[in-house]
């Protein structure tokens, strides 16, 4: 049997953390094991960094390529004149054209 780890955590943090873990289908044990795995591999504590106002985060080359590919895959052509068409109507027409051959 695996040993038990005990830690002191503020009650509110524990309650919110358990709620989030449940919502993502995970457990406290999985969290603790993942934290230990991280510390063993990285030799440091995990850090949560928030972007401060004015701070710009730069995508890696791979992230930028993945984002560009995703944007190309969801792009639809828009007619030169929208007239009185709704977004939903234009979108439905574009999807109909894109996937017409699948019927």
Protein backbone atom coordinates (compact mmCIF):
# COMPACT_ATOMS: atom_id res chain seq x y z
CA UNK A 1 0.00 0.00 0.00
CA UNK A 2 1.23 3.49 -0.84
CA UNK A 3 2.09 5.89 2.01
CA UNK A 4 -0.24 8.76 2.90
CA UNK A 5 0.94 12.38 2.60
CA UNK A 6 -0.49 15.00 4.95
CA UNK A 7 -0.42 18.74 4.28
CA UNK A 8 -1.98 21.85 5.77
CA UNK A 9 -4.04 23.82 3.26
CA UNK A 10 -6.40 26.75 3.95
CA UNK A 11 -9.96 25.38 4.04
CA UNK A 12 -11.25 27.65 1.26
CA UNK A 13 -8.38 26.72 -1.05
CA UNK A 14 -8.95 23.03 -0.33
CA UNK A 15 -12.70 23.29 -1.01
CA UNK A 16 -12.25 25.23 -4.26
CA UNK A 17 -9.46 22.90 -5.36
CA UNK A 18 -11.53 19.77 -4.73
CA UNK A 19 -14.44 21.33 -6.63
CA UNK A 20 -12.21 22.02 -9.66
CA UNK A 21 -10.63 18.56 -9.46
CA UNK A 22 -14.09 16.96 -9.52
CA UNK A 23 -15.11 19.11 -12.50
CA UNK A 24 -12.11 17.86 -14.50
CA UNK A 25 -12.60 14.26 -13.41
CA UNK A 26 -9.55 14.12 -11.17
CA UNK A 27 -8.78 13.48 -7.50
CA UNK A 28 -6.64 14.95 -4.76
CA UNK A 29 -4.35 11.91 -4.97
CA UNK A 30 -3.83 12.46 -8.71
CA UNK A 31 -3.01 16.12 -8.02
CA UNK A 32 -0.44 15.25 -5.33
CA UNK A 33 1.15 12.55 -7.50
CA UNK A 34 1.35 14.97 -10.46
CA UNK A 35 2.92 17.62 -8.20
CA UNK A 36 5.54 15.17 -6.93
CA UNK A 37 6.27 14.01 -10.51
CA UNK A 38 6.73 17.65 -11.56
CA UNK A 39 9.09 18.44 -8.67
CA UNK A 40 11.13 15.29 -9.34
CA UNK A 41 11.53 16.14 -13.03
CA UNK A 42 11.80 19.95 -12.90
CA UNK A 43 13.64 20.21 -9.57
CA UNK A 44 11.43 23.21 -8.68
CA UNK A 45 7.91 24.01 -7.56
CA UNK A 46 5.29 24.60 -10.24
CA UNK A 47 4.61 28.32 -10.70
CA UNK A 48 1.41 29.96 -11.84
CA UNK A 49 2.24 33.11 -13.76
CA UNK A 50 -0.41 35.65 -14.59
CA UNK A 51 0.07 38.15 -17.37
CA UNK A 52 0.16 41.63 -15.87
CA UNK A 53 -1.48 44.50 -17.66
CA UNK A 54 0.67 45.54 -20.57
CA UNK A 55 2.64 42.30 -20.52
CA UNK A 56 2.80 40.51 -23.86
CA UNK A 57 3.27 36.79 -24.08
CA UNK A 58 5.05 35.50 -27.16
CA UNK A 59 4.05 32.24 -28.80
CA UNK A 60 6.70 29.70 -29.62
CA UNK A 61 7.20 28.94 -33.32
CA UNK A 62 5.31 25.65 -32.88
CA UNK A 63 2.43 27.37 -31.06
CA UNK A 64 2.19 30.04 -33.77
CA UNK A 65 2.12 27.39 -36.51
CA UNK A 66 -0.54 25.38 -34.65
CA UNK A 67 -2.66 28.50 -34.17
CA UNK A 68 -2.29 29.50 -37.84
CA UNK A 69 -3.31 26.02 -38.97
CA UNK A 70 -6.33 26.06 -36.68
CA UNK A 71 -7.39 29.51 -37.93
CA UNK A 72 -7.10 28.33 -41.56
CA UNK A 73 -9.26 25.29 -40.75
CA UNK A 74 -12.12 27.35 -39.29
CA UNK A 75 -12.01 30.25 -41.78
CA UNK A 76 -15.00 30.72 -44.05
CA UNK A 77 -15.36 33.07 -47.00
CA UNK A 78 -17.61 36.09 -46.47
CA UNK A 79 -19.53 37.58 -49.38
CA UNK A 80 -18.49 41.05 -50.53
CA UNK A 81 -21.90 42.45 -49.57
CA UNK A 82 -23.60 41.15 -46.44
CA UNK A 83 -26.87 42.86 -47.35
CA UNK A 84 -29.33 41.95 -44.58
CA UNK A 85 -27.92 38.48 -43.95
CA UNK A 86 -27.37 37.37 -40.36
CA UNK A 87 -24.13 35.82 -39.18
CA UNK A 88 -25.96 32.54 -38.63
CA UNK A 89 -27.29 32.58 -42.19
CA UNK A 90 -23.87 33.32 -43.68
CA UNK A 91 -22.28 30.66 -41.49
CA UNK A 92 -24.87 28.04 -42.43
CA UNK A 93 -24.36 28.82 -46.13
CA UNK A 94 -20.57 28.55 -45.80
CA UNK A 95 -20.79 25.26 -43.90
CA UNK A 96 -23.23 23.94 -46.49
CA UNK A 97 -20.77 24.75 -49.25
CA UNK A 98 -17.80 23.32 -47.35
CA UNK A 99 -19.48 20.04 -46.46
CA UNK A 100 -21.86 19.65 -49.44
CA UNK A 101 -19.98 16.58 -50.69
CA UNK A 102 -20.49 14.67 -47.45
CA UNK A 103 -24.24 14.08 -47.90
